[in-house]
Structures are given as C-alpha cells and as structure tokens.
N, C-alpha and C. Protein backbone atom coordinates (compact mmCIF):
# COMPACT_ATOMS: atom_id res chain seq x y z
N MET A 1 -36.17 64.22 96.21
CA MET A 1 -35.46 63.45 97.33
C MET A 1 -34.90 64.48 98.21
N ASN A 2 -34.50 65.76 97.86
CA ASN A 2 -33.92 66.56 98.83
C ASN A 2 -34.73 66.83 100.07
N PRO A 3 -36.06 66.91 99.93
CA PRO A 3 -36.86 67.30 101.16
C PRO A 3 -36.80 66.10 102.23
N VAL A 4 -36.55 64.85 101.85
CA VAL A 4 -36.45 63.77 102.76
C VAL A 4 -35.23 63.55 103.41
N LEU A 5 -34.14 63.89 102.65
CA LEU A 5 -32.81 63.63 103.13
C LEU A 5 -32.47 63.80 104.43
N PRO A 6 -32.75 65.12 105.01
CA PRO A 6 -32.50 65.29 106.30
C PRO A 6 -33.14 64.40 107.42
N HIS A 7 -34.15 63.63 106.95
CA HIS A 7 -34.85 62.82 107.90
C HIS A 7 -34.52 61.38 107.78
N VAL A 8 -33.60 60.99 106.92
CA VAL A 8 -33.26 59.53 106.70
C VAL A 8 -31.73 59.29 107.14
N ASP A 9 -31.50 58.23 107.74
CA ASP A 9 -30.01 57.69 107.97
C ASP A 9 -29.56 56.90 106.82
N LYS A 10 -30.48 56.20 106.05
CA LYS A 10 -29.86 55.40 104.99
C LYS A 10 -30.94 55.61 103.68
N VAL A 11 -30.22 55.36 102.46
CA VAL A 11 -31.02 55.42 101.13
C VAL A 11 -30.57 54.07 100.49
N ILE A 12 -31.49 53.72 99.58
CA ILE A 12 -31.17 52.70 98.62
C ILE A 12 -31.48 53.05 97.32
N PHE A 13 -30.75 52.63 96.25
CA PHE A 13 -31.08 52.81 94.92
C PHE A 13 -31.19 51.59 94.26
N VAL A 14 -32.04 51.16 93.64
CA VAL A 14 -32.12 49.85 92.88
C VAL A 14 -32.34 50.08 91.36
N VAL A 15 -31.33 49.56 90.40
CA VAL A 15 -31.50 49.79 89.24
C VAL A 15 -31.11 48.36 88.54
N LYS A 16 -32.31 47.78 87.72
CA LYS A 16 -32.05 46.71 86.96
C LYS A 16 -31.40 45.43 87.65
N GLY A 17 -31.96 45.38 89.05
CA GLY A 17 -31.59 44.25 89.83
C GLY A 17 -30.20 44.57 90.65
N ARG A 18 -29.56 45.64 90.34
CA ARG A 18 -28.30 46.01 91.19
C ARG A 18 -28.73 47.15 92.10
N TRP A 19 -28.02 47.28 93.22
CA TRP A 19 -28.42 48.16 94.29
C TRP A 19 -27.27 48.78 94.87
N ALA A 20 -27.47 49.98 95.56
CA ALA A 20 -26.36 50.73 96.29
C ALA A 20 -27.19 51.11 97.56
N ALA A 21 -26.69 50.82 98.72
CA ALA A 21 -27.39 51.31 99.89
C ALA A 21 -26.31 51.78 100.94
N GLY A 22 -26.72 52.79 101.79
CA GLY A 22 -25.76 53.36 102.83
C GLY A 22 -26.29 54.65 103.16
N THR A 23 -25.53 55.48 103.84
CA THR A 23 -25.93 56.82 104.15
C THR A 23 -26.10 57.65 102.86
N PRO A 24 -26.77 58.73 102.86
CA PRO A 24 -26.83 59.58 101.66
C PRO A 24 -25.50 59.97 101.05
N ASP A 25 -24.50 60.44 102.02
CA ASP A 25 -23.16 60.78 101.66
C ASP A 25 -22.43 59.65 100.87
N GLU A 26 -22.60 58.48 101.53
CA GLU A 26 -21.98 57.24 100.82
C GLU A 26 -22.60 56.88 99.54
N VAL A 27 -23.86 56.97 99.22
CA VAL A 27 -24.52 56.52 98.01
C VAL A 27 -24.45 57.65 96.95
N LEU A 28 -24.77 58.83 97.35
CA LEU A 28 -25.00 59.92 96.38
C LEU A 28 -23.84 60.47 96.05
N THR A 29 -22.99 59.78 95.32
CA THR A 29 -21.68 60.31 94.78
C THR A 29 -21.65 60.01 93.28
N SER A 30 -20.78 60.82 92.59
CA SER A 30 -20.78 60.54 91.16
C SER A 30 -20.29 59.10 90.92
N GLU A 31 -19.19 58.72 91.63
CA GLU A 31 -18.56 57.40 91.45
C GLU A 31 -19.56 56.33 91.58
N ARG A 32 -20.30 56.30 92.74
CA ARG A 32 -21.18 55.19 93.12
C ARG A 32 -22.38 55.18 92.19
N LEU A 33 -23.13 56.30 91.87
CA LEU A 33 -24.05 56.29 90.88
C LEU A 33 -23.77 55.92 89.49
N SER A 34 -22.55 56.37 88.95
CA SER A 34 -22.11 56.10 87.79
C SER A 34 -22.02 54.58 87.58
N ASP A 35 -21.36 53.86 88.56
CA ASP A 35 -21.17 52.57 88.60
C ASP A 35 -22.57 51.88 88.67
N LEU A 36 -23.43 52.27 89.40
CA LEU A 36 -24.71 51.61 89.45
C LEU A 36 -25.51 51.77 88.20
N TYR A 37 -25.59 52.83 87.63
CA TYR A 37 -26.38 53.07 86.34
C TYR A 37 -25.44 52.65 85.14
N ASP A 38 -24.19 52.27 85.25
CA ASP A 38 -23.38 51.88 84.18
C ASP A 38 -23.47 53.11 83.22
N SER A 39 -23.27 54.40 83.55
CA SER A 39 -23.39 55.43 82.75
C SER A 39 -22.90 56.69 83.59
N HIS A 40 -22.26 57.61 82.97
CA HIS A 40 -21.65 58.72 83.72
C HIS A 40 -22.72 59.58 84.39
N VAL A 41 -22.53 59.98 85.69
CA VAL A 41 -23.53 60.71 86.42
C VAL A 41 -22.74 61.57 87.31
N ASP A 42 -23.13 62.81 87.28
CA ASP A 42 -22.63 63.92 88.03
C ASP A 42 -23.53 64.08 89.39
N VAL A 43 -22.96 64.13 90.41
CA VAL A 43 -23.71 64.52 91.70
C VAL A 43 -23.14 65.84 92.13
N LEU A 44 -23.79 66.88 92.14
CA LEU A 44 -23.50 68.23 92.60
C LEU A 44 -24.19 68.54 93.80
N ARG A 45 -23.36 69.28 94.80
CA ARG A 45 -24.02 69.79 95.92
C ARG A 45 -23.91 71.26 95.92
N VAL A 46 -25.09 71.90 95.90
CA VAL A 46 -25.26 73.39 95.64
C VAL A 46 -26.39 73.82 96.70
N HIS A 47 -25.92 74.90 97.37
CA HIS A 47 -26.89 75.46 98.34
C HIS A 47 -27.55 74.51 99.16
N GLY A 48 -26.83 73.29 99.64
CA GLY A 48 -27.43 72.56 100.62
C GLY A 48 -28.40 71.51 99.96
N ARG A 49 -28.30 71.47 98.56
CA ARG A 49 -29.16 70.57 97.90
C ARG A 49 -28.22 69.54 97.10
N ILE A 50 -28.80 68.41 96.74
CA ILE A 50 -28.09 67.57 95.99
C ILE A 50 -28.83 67.51 94.41
N LEU A 51 -27.92 67.78 93.42
CA LEU A 51 -28.42 67.64 92.07
C LEU A 51 -27.86 66.54 91.33
N VAL A 52 -28.57 65.59 90.68
CA VAL A 52 -27.99 64.37 90.09
C VAL A 52 -28.33 64.60 88.71
N VAL A 53 -27.26 64.48 87.93
CA VAL A 53 -27.36 64.78 86.39
C VAL A 53 -26.68 63.57 85.69
N GLY A 54 -27.39 62.92 84.83
CA GLY A 54 -26.77 61.90 84.14
C GLY A 54 -27.16 61.80 82.62
N ASP A 55 -26.32 60.92 81.96
CA ASP A 55 -26.52 60.82 80.62
C ASP A 55 -27.62 59.83 80.29
N THR A 56 -28.80 60.25 79.81
CA THR A 56 -30.05 59.36 79.76
C THR A 56 -29.89 58.23 78.68
N ALA A 57 -28.88 58.17 77.73
CA ALA A 57 -28.67 57.20 76.83
C ALA A 57 -28.58 55.77 77.32
N ASP A 58 -27.77 55.76 78.42
CA ASP A 58 -27.61 54.34 79.02
C ASP A 58 -28.03 54.35 80.46
N ALA A 59 -28.95 54.99 80.87
CA ALA A 59 -29.19 55.18 82.33
C ALA A 59 -29.86 54.09 83.09
N GLY A 60 -30.08 52.89 82.31
CA GLY A 60 -30.55 51.81 83.11
C GLY A 60 -32.05 51.67 83.34
N PHE A 61 -32.76 52.66 82.61
CA PHE A 61 -34.24 52.59 82.49
C PHE A 61 -34.68 53.31 81.18
N GLU A 62 -36.00 52.92 80.88
CA GLU A 62 -36.45 53.54 79.63
C GLU A 62 -37.22 54.73 80.03
N LEU A 63 -36.90 55.88 79.48
CA LEU A 63 -37.56 57.06 79.80
C LEU A 63 -39.00 57.12 79.39
N GLU A 64 -39.48 56.31 78.41
CA GLU A 64 -40.82 56.29 77.88
C GLU A 64 -41.64 55.57 78.95
N GLU A 65 -41.12 54.62 79.61
CA GLU A 65 -41.76 53.88 80.68
C GLU A 65 -42.09 54.78 81.96
N PRO A 66 -43.19 54.72 82.63
CA PRO A 66 -43.38 55.21 83.82
C PRO A 66 -42.18 54.88 84.88
N HIS A 67 -41.48 55.71 85.63
CA HIS A 67 -40.68 55.33 86.57
C HIS A 67 -41.06 55.91 88.06
N HIS A 68 -42.12 56.29 88.08
CA HIS A 68 -42.77 56.69 89.42
C HIS A 68 -43.81 55.79 89.83
N LEU A 69 -44.02 55.57 91.09
CA LEU A 69 -45.26 54.67 91.48
C LEU A 69 -46.42 55.45 91.12
N PRO A 70 -47.54 54.63 90.56
CA PRO A 70 -48.89 55.16 90.36
C PRO A 70 -49.49 55.93 91.54
N PHE A 71 -50.12 57.01 91.25
CA PHE A 71 -51.00 57.72 92.18
C PHE A 71 -52.32 57.22 92.14
N VAL A 72 -52.88 56.89 93.33
CA VAL A 72 -54.16 56.21 93.50
C VAL A 72 -55.06 57.35 93.84
N ASP A 73 -56.13 57.66 92.93
CA ASP A 73 -57.01 58.82 93.21
C ASP A 73 -58.30 58.03 93.64
N GLU A 74 -58.40 58.13 94.96
CA GLU A 74 -59.42 57.46 95.62
C GLU A 74 -60.92 58.04 95.32
N SER A 75 -60.82 59.23 94.95
CA SER A 75 -62.08 59.78 94.69
C SER A 75 -62.63 59.28 93.39
N GLN A 76 -61.78 59.03 92.43
CA GLN A 76 -62.09 58.65 91.01
C GLN A 76 -62.11 57.04 90.87
N GLY A 77 -61.50 56.39 91.90
CA GLY A 77 -61.26 54.91 91.92
C GLY A 77 -60.38 54.46 90.83
N HIS A 78 -59.39 55.15 90.49
CA HIS A 78 -58.48 54.50 89.52
C HIS A 78 -57.05 55.08 89.78
N MET A 79 -56.01 54.60 89.11
CA MET A 79 -54.61 55.02 89.29
C MET A 79 -54.16 55.79 88.16
N GLU A 80 -53.29 56.81 88.45
CA GLU A 80 -52.71 57.54 87.34
C GLU A 80 -51.26 57.66 87.52
N SER A 81 -50.38 57.67 86.58
CA SER A 81 -48.92 57.93 86.76
C SER A 81 -48.56 59.32 86.74
N HIS A 82 -47.85 59.65 87.76
CA HIS A 82 -47.44 61.12 87.79
C HIS A 82 -45.95 61.20 87.37
N ARG A 83 -45.65 61.94 86.64
CA ARG A 83 -44.39 62.21 86.03
C ARG A 83 -43.82 63.61 86.42
C-alpha cells in the first residue's frame, strides 16, 4: 500500500460488509482500523511509511483463505493466488 499512497486522494477498506473511506490520514489510524476490524490494530508511521499491525485472532478475515486478488497468468491460461 505504501507505494500508492502518495498518488491517491482517498482510500477505502472493506471488511465483512463494513467500510471506512476517506483520505489516507483519516482512515489509516489505530482507532479507525480497530473499529473496522473489531480488533486492536496499531498504525505506526516510521520513516515516511505506514505500518499496520493487528491481532489476527479476530481480524475479520480467515488467514487460511486467499485475501488477494488472483493473478492471471495469460501465458499459462489460468489464475493463481499470490500471497
């Protein structure tokens, strides 16, 4: 997410039908993400980068399930999940 943040005015996070939208500074806060994920989340700003660290026990998604969009390998004609 860090490489794109300087190029966007707004971000949106969607978790289990709930969402948070606004500027990166409005959305990427410990309070806002903790509320969205219904679990404690720390948002740290270090050397111009944003680090998001949360408790995965109640994070709002299953870690065993893919949570990235599938990658389409056009040369092979099939999709792969990248983690």
